[in-house]
Amino acid sequence: MMNINARMVGALVGFIVALLFIFFNWKVVLLVLGLSLLGYIIGLYMEAGEQVKRKLQELFSLFFS
């Protein structure tokens, strides 16, 4: 199994975001980044255990209630 170097992944993501900023409008880039972050959070939530889900629900209710 190949180890994933976090610095290389970060550099690659930064490079892709820079290319998006160059070739597209900044609003499109922010939309893509926002949707990616939302998908990441949803994925974390789906994989999380019950205790983590309860903590996330408490956090969301604290901020949005």
Protein backbone atom coordinates (compact mmCIF):
# COMPACT_ATOMS: atom_id res chain seq x y z
CA MET A 1 0.00 0.00 0.00
CA MET A 2 1.34 3.40 -0.95
CA ASN A 3 1.75 6.03 1.76
CA ILE A 4 0.19 9.37 0.90
CA ASN A 5 2.41 12.32 1.68
CA ALA A 6 0.24 15.12 3.08
CA ARG A 7 2.59 17.83 1.80
CA MET A 8 2.41 16.51 -1.75
CA VAL A 9 -1.39 16.31 -1.61
CA GLY A 10 -1.54 19.86 -0.25
CA ALA A 11 0.79 21.12 -2.96
CA LEU A 12 -1.25 19.37 -5.65
CA VAL A 13 -4.53 20.77 -4.34
CA GLY A 14 -2.99 24.24 -4.12
CA PHE A 15 -1.74 23.97 -7.70
CA ILE A 16 -5.18 22.90 -8.94
CA VAL A 17 -6.87 25.74 -7.06
CA ALA A 18 -4.36 28.21 -8.51
CA LEU A 19 -5.13 26.95 -12.02
CA LEU A 20 -8.85 27.32 -11.34
CA PHE A 21 -8.29 30.91 -10.20
CA ILE A 22 -6.34 31.63 -13.40
CA PHE A 23 -8.77 30.07 -15.86
CA PHE A 24 -12.13 30.70 -14.16
CA ASN A 25 -13.93 33.43 -12.28
CA TRP A 26 -13.12 33.59 -8.56
CA LYS A 27 -16.79 32.97 -7.72
CA VAL A 28 -16.68 29.65 -9.56
CA VAL A 29 -13.57 28.64 -7.62
CA LEU A 30 -15.16 29.53 -4.29
CA LEU A 31 -18.28 27.58 -5.25
CA VAL A 32 -16.19 24.51 -6.09
CA LEU A 33 -14.20 24.82 -2.87
CA GLY A 34 -17.36 25.26 -0.81
CA LEU A 35 -19.07 22.25 -2.35
CA SER A 36 -15.91 20.18 -1.89
CA LEU A 37 -15.74 21.13 1.77
CA LEU A 38 -19.42 20.32 2.22
CA GLY A 39 -18.91 16.90 0.61
CA TYR A 40 -15.90 16.26 2.84
CA ILE A 41 -17.88 17.14 5.98
CA ILE A 42 -20.80 14.96 4.90
CA GLY A 43 -18.39 12.07 4.23
CA LEU A 44 -16.80 12.48 7.65
CA TYR A 45 -20.24 12.55 9.24
CA MET A 46 -21.32 9.37 7.46
CA GLU A 47 -18.17 7.49 8.50
CA ALA A 48 -18.12 8.77 12.07
CA GLY A 49 -19.14 6.75 15.09
CA GLU A 50 -22.23 7.49 17.16
CA GLN A 51 -20.33 9.51 19.77
CA VAL A 52 -18.82 11.76 17.12
CA LYS A 53 -22.24 12.18 15.48
CA ARG A 54 -23.72 13.31 18.80
CA LYS A 55 -20.90 15.83 19.31
CA LEU A 56 -21.38 17.20 15.77
CA GLN A 57 -25.13 17.52 16.33
CA GLU A 58 -24.49 19.42 19.56
CA LEU A 59 -22.04 21.70 17.78
CA PHE A 60 -24.45 22.43 14.93
CA SER A 61 -27.31 23.07 17.35
CA LEU A 62 -25.08 25.43 19.33
CA PHE A 63 -24.29 27.54 16.26
CA PHE A 64 -27.52 27.30 14.28
CA SER A 65 -30.26 27.18 16.93
